Amino acid sequence: MNQNLDTLGELEVSYKYKSNLSEKPKINSSLDAYQIANKFITQDVIGMQEKLIVLYLNNCNIFIGCLNKFSGSLTSTIFDVKMIVGTGIKLMASAAIVIHNHPSGNLKPSNEDIKATEKLKAAFNYMDIKLLDHLIISPESKFLSFSDEGIL
């Protein structure tokens, strides 16, 4: 073997909180998740285009991070399961909540919404991250929780 193994890189992962955990919100209900979501999906865009965010929680349901990278059209958004699960792994998350908006104001989940939730749940389960909920939010300050409705 003539290859120089000394030049191989080494992966090092770390995470530094910017504040104490005691200063971070704890999510005890779908309403708590909805209130945090409103900080990321603002009224400026909620009625214009679909956005999908993921809230990550530690094992005490304390909010430790948010993935806010997915925007779409008026009627759909595309997301990357690898990026969503990978971010949860990097954060050492124990749980996650997926949230997206329906600009139309219709809170009824589409078949695509349900299939996407099942796909994310399966991917998260494989990595021991629990998908606690999926919220659909509307421009009328209303929301639907998959968990509360028995869908998840």
Protein backbone atom coordinates (compact mmCIF):
# COMPACT_ATOMS: atom_id res chain seq x y z
CA MET A 1 0.00 0.00 0.00
CA ASN A 2 1.66 3.20 -1.23
CA GLN A 3 -0.93 5.69 -0.03
CA ASN A 4 -0.11 8.27 2.61
CA LEU A 5 -2.80 7.92 5.28
CA ASP A 6 -1.40 10.88 7.25
CA THR A 7 -3.13 13.30 4.86
CA LEU A 8 -6.63 12.03 5.59
CA GLY A 9 -8.91 14.49 7.32
CA GLU A 10 -10.59 13.85 10.63
CA LEU A 11 -14.16 14.84 11.33
CA GLU A 12 -14.76 16.70 14.58
CA VAL A 13 -18.25 17.73 15.58
CA SER A 14 -19.07 20.21 18.30
CA TYR A 15 -21.98 22.41 19.28
CA LYS A 16 -21.79 25.47 21.47
CA TYR A 17 -24.97 26.97 22.86
CA LYS A 18 -25.17 30.76 22.52
CA SER A 19 -27.27 30.91 25.69
CA ASN A 20 -28.01 28.75 28.69
CA LEU A 21 -30.57 26.00 28.26
CA SER A 22 -32.58 27.58 31.06
CA GLU A 23 -33.08 30.61 28.79
CA LYS A 24 -34.48 28.55 25.91
CA PRO A 25 -38.20 27.83 25.54
CA LYS A 26 -39.63 24.44 26.45
CA ILE A 27 -42.25 23.07 24.09
CA ASN A 28 -45.07 21.44 26.02
CA SER A 29 -47.84 21.72 23.43
CA SER A 30 -48.68 22.39 19.81
CA LEU A 31 -49.47 25.99 20.81
CA ASP A 32 -45.92 26.42 22.13
CA ALA A 33 -44.54 25.13 18.81
CA TYR A 34 -46.89 27.41 16.87
CA GLN A 35 -45.70 30.46 18.80
CA ILE A 36 -42.05 29.66 18.04
CA ALA A 37 -42.90 29.00 14.38
CA ASN A 38 -44.28 32.53 14.09
CA LYS A 39 -40.79 33.85 14.74
CA PHE A 40 -39.50 32.01 11.65
CA ILE A 41 -42.45 32.09 9.25
CA THR A 42 -43.43 35.73 9.44
CA GLN A 43 -46.62 37.47 8.39
CA ASP A 44 -44.63 39.01 5.51
CA VAL A 45 -44.52 35.68 3.65
CA ILE A 46 -47.05 33.36 5.27
CA GLY A 47 -49.72 34.21 2.67
CA MET A 48 -47.35 34.35 -0.32
CA GLN A 49 -45.38 31.12 -0.45
CA GLU A 50 -45.06 27.85 1.39
CA LYS A 51 -42.17 27.52 3.80
CA LEU A 52 -41.14 24.52 5.85
CA ILE A 53 -39.16 24.73 9.07
CA VAL A 54 -38.05 22.13 11.58
CA LEU A 55 -37.77 22.78 15.31
CA TYR A 56 -35.27 20.56 17.13
CA LEU A 57 -35.59 19.68 20.80
CA ASN A 58 -33.41 18.03 23.40
CA ASN A 59 -34.64 15.15 25.58
CA CYS A 60 -36.45 17.63 27.89
CA ASN A 61 -38.32 19.20 24.93
CA ILE A 62 -36.22 22.35 25.16
CA PHE A 63 -35.89 24.12 21.81
CA ILE A 64 -32.25 23.86 20.70
CA GLY A 65 -32.36 24.88 17.04
CA CYS A 66 -34.31 25.49 13.86
CA LEU A 67 -33.74 24.54 10.24
CA ASN A 68 -35.23 27.28 8.08
CA LYS A 69 -34.02 26.53 4.54
CA PHE A 70 -37.04 25.38 2.54
CA SER A 71 -39.25 27.75 0.54
CA GLY A 72 -41.55 26.94 -2.32
CA SER A 73 -44.40 28.29 -4.37
CA LEU A 74 -47.92 29.33 -3.46
CA THR A 75 -49.02 25.69 -3.25
CA SER A 76 -46.00 23.52 -2.43
CA THR A 77 -42.48 23.33 -1.10
CA ILE A 78 -39.72 20.80 -1.62
CA PHE A 79 -37.53 19.68 1.26
CA ASP A 80 -34.51 17.43 1.69
CA VAL A 81 -34.94 14.56 4.17
CA LYS A 82 -31.16 14.09 4.45
CA MET A 83 -30.65 17.74 5.40
CA ILE A 84 -33.49 17.64 7.94
CA VAL A 85 -32.34 14.43 9.64
CA GLY A 86 -28.66 15.37 9.33
CA THR A 87 -29.28 18.67 11.09
CA GLY A 88 -31.05 16.81 13.88
CA ILE A 89 -28.06 14.50 14.24
CA LYS A 90 -25.62 17.43 14.31
CA LEU A 91 -27.67 19.06 17.06
CA MET A 92 -27.92 15.75 18.96
CA ALA A 93 -31.67 16.34 18.97
CA SER A 94 -33.99 13.89 20.68
CA ALA A 95 -37.12 15.18 18.98
CA ALA A 96 -38.33 17.39 16.15
CA ILE A 97 -41.44 19.26 15.06
CA VAL A 98 -42.06 20.00 11.38
CA ILE A 99 -44.06 23.11 10.51
CA HIS A 100 -45.20 24.46 7.18
CA ASN A 101 -47.74 27.03 6.08
CA HIS A 102 -50.65 26.92 3.67
CA PRO A 103 -50.94 30.38 2.09
CA SER A 104 -54.53 29.56 1.07
CA GLY A 105 -55.55 29.39 4.71
CA ASN A 106 -56.87 25.82 4.24
CA LEU A 107 -55.58 23.82 7.20
CA LYS A 108 -56.61 20.42 5.86
CA PRO A 109 -53.49 18.30 5.23
CA SER A 110 -53.08 17.13 1.66
CA ASN A 111 -52.18 13.54 0.79
CA GLU A 112 -48.68 14.86 0.03
CA ASP A 113 -48.48 16.43 3.49
CA ILE A 114 -49.39 13.12 5.12
CA LYS A 115 -46.97 11.09 2.96
CA ALA A 116 -44.14 13.56 3.64
CA THR A 117 -44.82 13.35 7.38
CA GLU A 118 -44.70 9.55 7.29
CA LYS A 119 -41.42 9.66 5.34
CA LEU A 120 -39.84 12.10 7.80
CA LYS A 121 -41.10 10.12 10.79
CA ALA A 122 -39.53 6.93 9.43
CA ALA A 123 -36.21 8.67 8.72
CA PHE A 124 -36.14 10.28 12.17
CA ASN A 125 -37.08 7.00 13.88
CA TYR A 126 -34.13 5.29 12.27
CA MET A 127 -31.84 7.81 13.98
CA ASP A 128 -33.69 7.69 17.35
CA ILE A 129 -35.19 11.14 16.88
CA LYS A 130 -38.91 11.31 17.60
CA LEU A 131 -41.13 13.35 15.31
CA LEU A 132 -43.47 14.89 17.88
CA ASP A 133 -45.72 16.86 15.55
CA HIS A 134 -46.30 18.43 12.17
CA LEU A 135 -48.13 21.74 12.19
CA ILE A 136 -49.84 23.45 9.29
CA ILE A 137 -50.19 27.17 9.91
CA SER A 138 -52.27 29.76 8.07
CA PRO A 139 -52.23 33.53 7.48
CA GLU A 140 -55.36 33.78 9.68
CA SER A 141 -53.32 32.96 12.83
CA LYS A 142 -54.71 29.43 12.98
CA PHE A 143 -52.97 26.09 12.94
CA LEU A 144 -53.60 22.36 12.72
CA SER A 145 -51.53 19.87 14.70
CA PHE A 146 -51.13 16.37 13.27
CA SER A 147 -50.61 15.04 16.82
CA ASP A 148 -53.65 16.79 18.26
CA GLU A 149 -55.77 15.49 15.36
CA GLY A 150 -54.47 11.92 15.71
CA ILE A 151 -52.82 11.97 12.27
CA LEU A 152 -49.31 11.43 13.65
